[in-house]
């Protein structure tokens, strides 16, 4: 939804600035420039989660052997960088900590039986 808003921001602003709407409503709240940048940063932050969700939901029979490589892909994307805002750093840390709660031993056994799935993480991390 946030991604759709950012894509359609010009149309939303045009609608909000319409004279008929302005006369009916006095207090119209629009995003500030900082909030707009935050929305764009959050979209970039959530892209790996969207990719994993789409991948797992499109499988006709997802297996547990796919979970660990995808988890590592997400954790790799959640490493904080110097240019990240405080909110983005906090969100990345929270997501990484939540994923780290998984029991490593329960997931590593099915994945080790299908080591070719480790390639999946490379394919998703470095698309051509």
Protein backbone atom coordinates (compact mmCIF):
# COMPACT_ATOMS: atom_id res chain seq x y z
CA UNK A 1 0.00 0.00 0.00
CA UNK A 2 2.84 2.36 0.82
CA UNK A 3 4.51 1.60 -2.48
CA UNK A 4 1.29 2.34 -4.34
CA UNK A 5 0.92 5.66 -2.51
CA UNK A 6 4.45 6.76 -3.45
CA UNK A 7 3.81 5.77 -7.07
CA UNK A 8 0.53 7.70 -7.17
CA UNK A 9 1.65 10.65 -5.05
CA UNK A 10 1.15 13.25 -7.78
CA UNK A 11 -2.42 12.10 -8.39
CA UNK A 12 -3.16 12.09 -4.66
CA UNK A 13 -1.81 15.61 -4.24
CA UNK A 14 -3.81 16.82 -7.24
CA UNK A 15 -6.98 15.37 -5.76
CA UNK A 16 -6.25 16.84 -2.33
CA UNK A 17 -5.64 20.28 -3.80
CA UNK A 18 -8.89 20.29 -5.76
CA UNK A 19 -10.93 23.41 -4.97
CA UNK A 20 -14.14 21.49 -4.29
CA UNK A 21 -12.41 19.24 -1.76
CA UNK A 22 -10.67 22.18 -0.09
CA UNK A 23 -13.96 23.96 0.55
CA UNK A 24 -15.47 20.86 2.16
CA UNK A 25 -12.44 20.02 4.31
CA UNK A 26 -10.29 22.52 6.17
CA UNK A 27 -7.45 20.34 7.49
CA UNK A 28 -5.80 18.27 4.79
CA UNK A 29 -2.64 16.53 5.91
CA UNK A 30 0.01 15.73 3.34
CA UNK A 31 3.37 14.06 3.80
CA UNK A 32 6.34 16.31 4.44
CA UNK A 33 9.55 15.84 2.46
CA UNK A 34 11.09 13.91 5.38
CA UNK A 35 8.05 11.64 5.61
CA UNK A 36 8.19 11.08 1.85
CA UNK A 37 11.87 10.05 2.08
CA UNK A 38 11.00 7.77 5.01
CA UNK A 39 8.25 6.10 2.96
CA UNK A 40 10.66 5.52 0.08
CA UNK A 41 13.31 4.12 2.48
CA UNK A 42 10.74 1.79 4.05
CA UNK A 43 9.74 0.49 0.62
CA UNK A 44 13.38 -0.36 -0.10
CA UNK A 45 13.74 -1.96 3.34
CA UNK A 46 10.69 -4.17 2.84
CA UNK A 47 11.52 -5.31 -0.73
CA UNK A 48 13.41 -8.48 0.35
CA UNK A 49 10.48 -9.46 2.59
CA UNK A 50 8.07 -8.94 -0.30
CA UNK A 51 10.29 -11.03 -2.59
CA UNK A 52 10.46 -13.90 -0.11
CA UNK A 53 6.73 -13.74 0.56
CA UNK A 54 5.93 -13.78 -3.15
CA UNK A 55 8.35 -16.65 -3.76
CA UNK A 56 7.00 -18.79 -0.93
CA UNK A 57 3.35 -18.09 -1.76
CA UNK A 58 3.80 -18.85 -5.46
CA UNK A 59 5.21 -22.30 -4.77
CA UNK A 60 2.64 -25.06 -5.10
CA UNK A 61 4.35 -26.99 -2.34
CA UNK A 62 6.90 -24.86 -0.43
CA UNK A 63 9.38 -26.90 1.54
CA UNK A 64 11.23 -26.22 4.74
CA UNK A 65 14.51 -26.62 2.86
CA UNK A 66 13.88 -23.21 1.24
CA UNK A 67 13.44 -21.35 4.52
CA UNK A 68 17.05 -21.16 5.68
CA UNK A 69 18.54 -19.76 2.44
CA UNK A 70 15.74 -17.19 2.27
CA UNK A 71 16.27 -16.32 5.93
CA UNK A 72 19.96 -15.65 5.21
CA UNK A 73 18.99 -13.48 2.25
CA UNK A 74 16.74 -11.37 4.47
CA UNK A 75 19.35 -11.13 7.25
CA UNK A 76 21.96 -10.00 4.73
CA UNK A 77 19.66 -7.21 3.55
CA UNK A 78 18.98 -6.12 7.16
CA UNK A 79 22.58 -5.14 7.93
CA UNK A 80 22.59 -1.49 8.94
CA UNK A 81 24.55 0.95 6.79
CA UNK A 82 26.03 4.37 7.53
CA UNK A 83 23.49 6.20 5.35
CA UNK A 84 20.46 4.66 7.10
CA UNK A 85 18.23 6.92 9.16
CA UNK A 86 17.61 6.11 12.82
CA UNK A 87 14.16 4.72 12.01
CA UNK A 88 15.48 2.46 9.24
CA UNK A 89 18.30 1.22 11.50
CA UNK A 90 15.77 0.46 14.22
CA UNK A 91 13.50 -1.39 11.79
CA UNK A 92 16.38 -3.42 10.33
CA UNK A 93 17.56 -4.36 13.83
CA UNK A 94 14.06 -5.41 14.91
CA UNK A 95 13.53 -7.55 11.80
CA UNK A 96 16.96 -9.19 12.16
CA UNK A 97 16.44 -9.90 15.86
CA UNK A 98 13.04 -11.40 15.17
CA UNK A 99 14.47 -13.69 12.49
CA UNK A 100 17.36 -14.71 14.74
CA UNK A 101 14.87 -16.16 17.23
CA UNK A 102 14.35 -19.11 14.88
CA UNK A 103 15.95 -22.34 15.98
CA UNK A 104 18.94 -22.87 13.72
CA UNK A 105 19.12 -26.63 14.22
CA UNK A 106 15.51 -27.20 13.18
CA UNK A 107 16.02 -25.43 9.87
CA UNK A 108 19.55 -26.50 8.97
CA UNK A 109 18.82 -30.21 8.68
CA UNK A 110 16.24 -30.02 5.85
CA UNK A 111 18.35 -27.44 4.02
CA UNK A 112 21.50 -29.55 4.24
CA UNK A 113 19.62 -32.31 2.43
CA UNK A 114 19.10 -29.94 -0.52
CA UNK A 115 22.29 -27.84 -0.73
CA UNK A 116 21.38 -26.68 -4.23
CA UNK A 117 18.92 -24.29 -2.56
CA UNK A 118 21.85 -22.21 -1.26
CA UNK A 119 22.21 -21.08 -4.86
CA UNK A 120 18.75 -19.56 -4.58
CA UNK A 121 20.09 -16.97 -2.16
CA UNK A 122 22.78 -16.00 -4.65
CA UNK A 123 20.30 -15.72 -7.50
CA UNK A 124 17.99 -13.46 -5.46
CA UNK A 125 20.87 -11.39 -4.10
CA UNK A 126 22.51 -10.79 -7.47
CA UNK A 127 19.85 -10.75 -10.22
CA UNK A 128 21.18 -10.40 -13.75
